[in-house]
């Protein structure tokens, strides 16, 4: 698919929303609102995202491959179909031993809980 927005009221194949690119991490916004967003990302083998904090809960779902995720020092190996919530204000980072694709959903309302 190209870099245009995902069309509303049109079906799509989730794994085809974003492609793999050699030596890169790609992201494509599916929905972006002030109350949250959904993003598809692809990681080529050997790539990673540096450790960071988010002030909001983030739901991660692996849609292809196997991802390595570290949350507050605990390592998780997530495979296609797996999901996990990264709690708000938690240190986390992603690493790709092999290619993987994921969806991340950030909900910005109700984070006071």
Protein backbone atom coordinates (compact mmCIF):
# COMPACT_ATOMS: atom_id res chain seq x y z
CA UNK A 1 0.00 0.00 0.00
CA UNK A 2 1.14 3.57 -0.51
CA UNK A 3 1.59 6.26 2.15
CA UNK A 4 -1.94 7.66 1.86
CA UNK A 5 -4.37 7.28 4.73
CA UNK A 6 -6.33 4.09 5.20
CA UNK A 7 -9.75 4.59 3.64
CA UNK A 8 -12.74 4.48 5.97
CA UNK A 9 -15.47 1.93 5.26
CA UNK A 10 -13.16 -0.11 3.04
CA UNK A 11 -11.77 -3.48 4.06
CA UNK A 12 -8.04 -4.09 4.03
CA UNK A 13 -5.62 -6.89 4.82
CA UNK A 14 -3.86 -5.77 7.99
CA UNK A 15 -0.52 -7.42 7.24
CA UNK A 16 -0.37 -5.58 3.88
CA UNK A 17 -0.80 -2.10 5.38
CA UNK A 18 2.97 -1.73 5.68
CA UNK A 19 5.85 -3.42 3.87
CA UNK A 20 9.30 -4.41 5.06
CA UNK A 21 12.26 -2.27 3.99
CA UNK A 22 15.85 -3.50 4.29
CA UNK A 23 17.73 -2.04 7.30
CA UNK A 24 14.75 0.03 8.42
CA UNK A 25 11.87 0.47 10.82
CA UNK A 26 8.78 1.86 9.04
CA UNK A 27 5.58 3.23 10.58
CA UNK A 28 2.25 4.12 9.06
CA UNK A 29 -0.52 5.88 10.96
CA UNK A 30 -3.88 4.18 10.53
CA UNK A 31 -5.91 6.51 12.79
CA UNK A 32 -4.72 9.62 14.60
CA UNK A 33 -7.00 11.52 16.98
CA UNK A 34 -6.36 13.74 20.00
CA UNK A 35 -7.61 10.86 22.18
CA UNK A 36 -5.23 8.29 20.73
CA UNK A 37 -3.86 6.62 17.63
CA UNK A 38 -3.27 3.31 15.88
CA UNK A 39 0.00 2.77 14.04
CA UNK A 40 1.33 -0.13 11.96
CA UNK A 41 5.09 -0.68 12.08
CA UNK A 42 7.52 -3.03 10.36
CA UNK A 43 11.01 -3.90 11.59
CA UNK A 44 13.68 -5.47 9.43
CA UNK A 45 15.87 -8.11 11.08
CA UNK A 46 18.51 -6.52 13.32
CA UNK A 47 16.64 -3.24 13.76
CA UNK A 48 15.43 -1.81 17.06
CA UNK A 49 13.73 1.16 18.66
CA UNK A 50 15.64 2.78 21.48
CA UNK A 51 14.32 2.62 25.02
CA UNK A 52 11.60 5.18 25.71
CA UNK A 53 8.75 6.11 28.04
CA UNK A 54 5.17 6.91 27.09
CA UNK A 55 2.75 8.74 29.39
CA UNK A 56 -0.08 6.49 28.12
CA UNK A 57 -0.93 2.79 28.05
CA UNK A 58 -0.02 1.24 24.70
CA UNK A 59 -1.50 -1.97 23.32
CA UNK A 60 0.84 -3.94 21.03
CA UNK A 61 -0.34 -6.69 18.70
CA UNK A 62 2.10 -8.67 16.53
CA UNK A 63 0.66 -9.24 13.04
CA UNK A 64 3.69 -10.95 11.43
CA UNK A 65 6.91 -12.54 12.64
CA UNK A 66 8.40 -12.52 16.14
CA UNK A 67 9.22 -9.42 18.19
CA UNK A 68 11.42 -8.95 21.22
CA UNK A 69 10.06 -6.39 23.65
CA UNK A 70 11.58 -5.31 26.95
CA UNK A 71 9.32 -3.59 29.50
CA UNK A 72 10.94 -2.31 32.71
CA UNK A 73 13.78 -4.82 32.28
CA UNK A 74 11.53 -7.85 31.64
CA UNK A 75 11.96 -9.44 28.20
CA UNK A 76 9.04 -10.76 26.17
CA UNK A 77 9.15 -12.73 22.92
CA UNK A 78 5.91 -12.08 21.05
CA UNK A 79 4.78 -14.03 18.00
CA UNK A 80 2.10 -13.41 15.39
CA UNK A 81 -1.26 -13.04 17.11
CA UNK A 82 0.21 -12.13 20.52
CA UNK A 83 -0.76 -8.90 22.25
CA UNK A 84 0.53 -7.07 25.32
CA UNK A 85 -0.18 -3.81 27.14
CA UNK A 86 2.79 -1.57 27.86
CA UNK A 87 1.74 0.34 31.00
CA UNK A 88 1.93 4.13 31.03
CA UNK A 89 5.26 5.52 32.29
CA UNK A 90 7.07 2.20 31.68
CA UNK A 91 10.50 1.96 30.09
CA UNK A 92 10.30 -0.16 26.94
CA UNK A 93 12.17 -0.99 23.75
CA UNK A 94 11.74 -3.24 20.71
CA UNK A 95 14.35 -5.42 19.02
CA UNK A 96 14.00 -7.54 15.86
CA UNK A 97 16.06 -10.74 15.73
CA UNK A 98 13.93 -11.40 12.65
CA UNK A 99 11.46 -9.30 10.67
CA UNK A 100 8.16 -8.47 12.34
CA UNK A 101 5.14 -6.24 11.95
CA UNK A 102 2.98 -4.86 14.74
CA UNK A 103 0.03 -2.63 15.49
CA UNK A 104 0.28 -0.22 18.38
CA UNK A 105 -2.78 1.42 19.87
CA UNK A 106 -2.38 4.37 22.25
CA UNK A 107 -5.39 5.54 24.25
CA UNK A 108 -4.85 9.03 25.64
CA UNK A 109 -8.12 9.40 27.55
CA UNK A 110 -8.64 7.70 30.89
CA UNK A 111 -4.92 7.44 31.60
CA UNK A 112 -5.53 8.82 35.08
CA UNK A 113 -6.41 5.27 36.25
